[in-house]
Amino acid sequence: MRGRKLKRLINKRVLEHSIQNCNSMSESSRYLDLSYNTFKKYCKRYDLWIEENINQSGKGIKKSRVIKSIEDD
């Protein structure tokens, strides 16, 4: 059975833990190593998908910024 992913048991307790420890739902999905859509499906199944936890504005999350220095020759 090549190419088939092993199924993992994702229970409500694991989802609640990741939501409490992360700043956003997308960060929680990365924390559990799930795709965002799969994470969303499980959260909706256990009634954990709350609009308050989505964090669209990204508050509290560090953003990587590239600072380029301008050198005069």
N, C-alpha and C. Protein backbone atom coordinates (compact mmCIF):
# COMPACT_ATOMS: atom_id res chain seq x y z
N MET A 1 0.82 -1.18 0.00
CA MET A 1 0.00 0.00 0.00
C MET A 1 0.87 1.25 0.00
N ARG A 2 1.49 1.50 -1.07
CA ARG A 2 2.32 2.69 -1.16
C ARG A 2 1.46 3.92 -1.35
N GLY A 3 1.91 5.03 -0.79
CA GLY A 3 1.23 6.29 -0.99
C GLY A 3 0.02 6.52 -0.11
N ARG A 4 -0.29 5.57 0.75
CA ARG A 4 -1.45 5.73 1.61
C ARG A 4 -1.00 6.23 2.97
N LYS A 5 -1.65 7.28 3.45
CA LYS A 5 -1.30 7.83 4.75
C LYS A 5 -1.91 7.01 5.86
N LEU A 6 -1.19 6.89 6.96
CA LEU A 6 -1.72 6.21 8.11
C LEU A 6 -2.72 7.12 8.81
N LYS A 7 -3.82 6.57 9.27
CA LYS A 7 -4.82 7.37 9.96
C LYS A 7 -4.39 7.56 11.40
N ARG A 8 -4.51 8.78 11.86
CA ARG A 8 -4.21 9.10 13.25
C ARG A 8 -5.50 9.40 13.97
N LEU A 9 -5.54 9.04 15.22
CA LEU A 9 -6.70 9.32 16.02
C LEU A 9 -6.56 10.73 16.60
N ILE A 10 -7.44 11.61 16.19
CA ILE A 10 -7.45 12.97 16.70
C ILE A 10 -8.69 13.10 17.58
N ASN A 11 -8.48 13.25 18.87
CA ASN A 11 -9.63 13.36 19.75
C ASN A 11 -9.82 14.80 20.22
N LYS A 12 -10.90 15.04 20.91
CA LYS A 12 -11.27 16.38 21.34
C LYS A 12 -10.22 16.97 22.27
N ARG A 13 -9.66 16.15 23.12
CA ARG A 13 -8.68 16.62 24.10
C ARG A 13 -7.41 17.16 23.43
N VAL A 14 -6.95 16.49 22.41
CA VAL A 14 -5.76 16.92 21.68
C VAL A 14 -6.03 18.25 20.96
N LEU A 15 -7.21 18.37 20.37
CA LEU A 15 -7.57 19.61 19.69
C LEU A 15 -7.67 20.77 20.66
N GLU A 16 -8.30 20.55 21.81
CA GLU A 16 -8.42 21.61 22.81
C GLU A 16 -7.05 22.07 23.30
N HIS A 17 -6.15 21.12 23.50
CA HIS A 17 -4.79 21.44 23.95
C HIS A 17 -4.06 22.32 22.94
N SER A 18 -4.16 21.97 21.66
CA SER A 18 -3.45 22.74 20.64
C SER A 18 -4.06 24.14 20.48
N ILE A 19 -5.38 24.26 20.60
CA ILE A 19 -6.03 25.56 20.48
C ILE A 19 -5.63 26.47 21.64
N GLN A 20 -5.53 25.92 22.84
CA GLN A 20 -5.15 26.72 24.00
C GLN A 20 -3.70 27.16 23.95
N ASN A 21 -2.82 26.36 23.37
CA ASN A 21 -1.39 26.66 23.37
C ASN A 21 -0.93 27.49 22.18
N CYS A 22 -1.77 27.67 21.18
CA CYS A 22 -1.37 28.39 19.98
C CYS A 22 -2.18 29.68 19.84
N ASN A 23 -1.64 30.62 19.08
CA ASN A 23 -2.28 31.92 18.91
C ASN A 23 -3.36 31.95 17.85
N SER A 24 -3.36 30.99 16.95
CA SER A 24 -4.36 30.99 15.88
C SER A 24 -4.69 29.54 15.51
N MET A 25 -5.75 29.40 14.74
CA MET A 25 -6.16 28.07 14.31
C MET A 25 -5.16 27.48 13.31
N SER A 26 -4.61 28.31 12.45
CA SER A 26 -3.64 27.79 11.48
C SER A 26 -2.36 27.34 12.19
N GLU A 27 -1.97 28.05 13.24
CA GLU A 27 -0.80 27.62 14.02
C GLU A 27 -1.10 26.31 14.74
N SER A 28 -2.34 26.15 15.20
CA SER A 28 -2.74 24.90 15.86
C SER A 28 -2.68 23.73 14.90
N SER A 29 -3.08 23.95 13.65
CA SER A 29 -3.03 22.87 12.66
C SER A 29 -1.60 22.47 12.37
N ARG A 30 -0.70 23.46 12.30
CA ARG A 30 0.73 23.15 12.09
C ARG A 30 1.30 22.44 13.30
N TYR A 31 0.87 22.81 14.50
CA TYR A 31 1.32 22.19 15.74
C TYR A 31 0.99 20.70 15.76
N LEU A 32 -0.18 20.35 15.22
CA LEU A 32 -0.60 18.95 15.18
C LEU A 32 -0.16 18.22 13.92
N ASP A 33 0.51 18.93 13.02
CA ASP A 33 0.96 18.38 11.75
C ASP A 33 -0.22 17.86 10.92
N LEU A 34 -1.28 18.70 10.85
CA LEU A 34 -2.45 18.40 10.03
C LEU A 34 -2.62 19.51 9.01
N SER A 35 -3.26 19.18 7.91
CA SER A 35 -3.60 20.25 6.98
C SER A 35 -4.70 21.09 7.61
N TYR A 36 -4.79 22.34 7.20
CA TYR A 36 -5.76 23.27 7.80
C TYR A 36 -7.19 22.77 7.60
N ASN A 37 -7.48 22.23 6.41
CA ASN A 37 -8.84 21.75 6.14
C ASN A 37 -9.21 20.55 7.00
N THR A 38 -8.26 19.64 7.22
CA THR A 38 -8.51 18.48 8.07
C THR A 38 -8.71 18.92 9.52
N PHE A 39 -7.88 19.85 9.97
CA PHE A 39 -8.00 20.39 11.31
C PHE A 39 -9.36 21.05 11.51
N LYS A 40 -9.79 21.81 10.53
CA LYS A 40 -11.09 22.48 10.58
C LYS A 40 -12.23 21.47 10.64
N LYS A 41 -12.11 20.38 9.88
CA LYS A 41 -13.13 19.33 9.88
C LYS A 41 -13.28 18.71 11.26
N TYR A 42 -12.16 18.38 11.90
CA TYR A 42 -12.21 17.78 13.23
C TYR A 42 -12.74 18.76 14.27
N CYS A 43 -12.35 20.03 14.16
CA CYS A 43 -12.85 21.03 15.11
C CYS A 43 -14.36 21.21 14.99
N LYS A 44 -14.86 21.21 13.78
CA LYS A 44 -16.31 21.34 13.59
C LYS A 44 -17.04 20.10 14.10
N ARG A 45 -16.42 18.94 13.97
CA ARG A 45 -17.02 17.70 14.44
C ARG A 45 -17.21 17.73 15.96
N TYR A 46 -16.23 18.32 16.67
CA TYR A 46 -16.29 18.38 18.13
C TYR A 46 -16.79 19.73 18.65
N ASP A 47 -17.33 20.58 17.79
CA ASP A 47 -17.85 21.91 18.13
C ASP A 47 -16.78 22.80 18.78
N LEU A 48 -15.57 22.78 18.24
CA LEU A 48 -14.49 23.62 18.74
C LEU A 48 -14.16 24.76 17.78
N TRP A 49 -14.81 24.80 16.63
CA TRP A 49 -14.52 25.82 15.64
C TRP A 49 -15.28 27.08 16.02
N ILE A 50 -14.59 28.00 16.70
CA ILE A 50 -15.18 29.24 17.18
C ILE A 50 -14.50 30.39 16.47
N GLU A 51 -15.29 31.36 16.04
CA GLU A 51 -14.75 32.49 15.28
C GLU A 51 -13.74 33.30 16.11
N GLU A 52 -13.83 33.26 17.43
CA GLU A 52 -12.91 34.01 18.28
C GLU A 52 -11.48 33.50 18.16
N ASN A 53 -11.31 32.23 17.86
CA ASN A 53 -9.99 31.61 17.82
C ASN A 53 -9.29 31.73 16.47
N ILE A 54 -9.96 32.25 15.47
CA ILE A 54 -9.39 32.26 14.12
C ILE A 54 -8.23 33.25 14.00
N ASN A 55 -8.32 34.45 14.60
CA ASN A 55 -7.25 35.44 14.62
C ASN A 55 -6.83 35.87 13.21
N GLN A 56 -7.75 36.43 12.47
CA GLN A 56 -7.47 36.89 11.10
C GLN A 56 -6.45 38.01 11.07
N SER A 57 -6.43 38.86 12.09
CA SER A 57 -5.52 40.00 12.09
C SER A 57 -4.09 39.60 12.41
N GLY A 58 -3.90 38.44 13.02
CA GLY A 58 -2.55 37.97 13.33
C GLY A 58 -1.95 38.60 14.56
N LYS A 59 -2.77 39.09 15.49
CA LYS A 59 -2.26 39.73 16.70
C LYS A 59 -1.54 38.70 17.57
N GLY A 60 -0.37 39.07 18.05
CA GLY A 60 0.40 38.20 18.94
C GLY A 60 1.30 37.23 18.22
N ILE A 61 1.32 37.27 16.90
CA ILE A 61 2.16 36.36 16.12
C ILE A 61 3.29 37.16 15.49
N LYS A 62 4.52 36.73 15.73
CA LYS A 62 5.66 37.42 15.15
C LYS A 62 5.70 37.18 13.65
N LYS A 63 5.93 38.23 12.92
CA LYS A 63 6.03 38.13 11.48
C LYS A 63 7.49 38.30 11.07
N SER A 64 7.95 37.45 10.20
CA SER A 64 9.34 37.58 9.76
C SER A 64 9.43 38.69 8.72
N ARG A 65 10.38 39.54 8.92
CA ARG A 65 10.55 40.67 8.00
C ARG A 65 11.98 40.66 7.49
N VAL A 66 12.10 40.94 6.23
CA VAL A 66 13.42 41.01 5.61
C VAL A 66 13.82 42.47 5.54
N ILE A 67 14.92 42.80 6.18
CA ILE A 67 15.41 44.17 6.19
C ILE A 67 16.63 44.22 5.28
N LYS A 68 16.51 45.03 4.27
CA LYS A 68 17.61 45.19 3.32
C LYS A 68 18.34 46.50 3.63
N SER A 69 19.61 46.43 3.71
CA SER A 69 20.38 47.64 3.94
C SER A 69 20.83 48.19 2.59
N ILE A 70 20.79 49.48 2.51
CA ILE A 70 21.22 50.14 1.27
C ILE A 70 22.66 50.60 1.46
N GLU A 71 23.51 50.09 0.62
CA GLU A 71 24.92 50.45 0.72
C GLU A 71 25.27 51.43 -0.37
N ASP A 72 25.88 52.52 0.01
CA ASP A 72 26.34 53.49 -0.97
C ASP A 72 27.74 53.13 -1.41
N ASP A 73 27.94 53.06 -2.69
CA ASP A 73 29.26 52.71 -3.22
C ASP A 73 30.07 53.94 -3.53
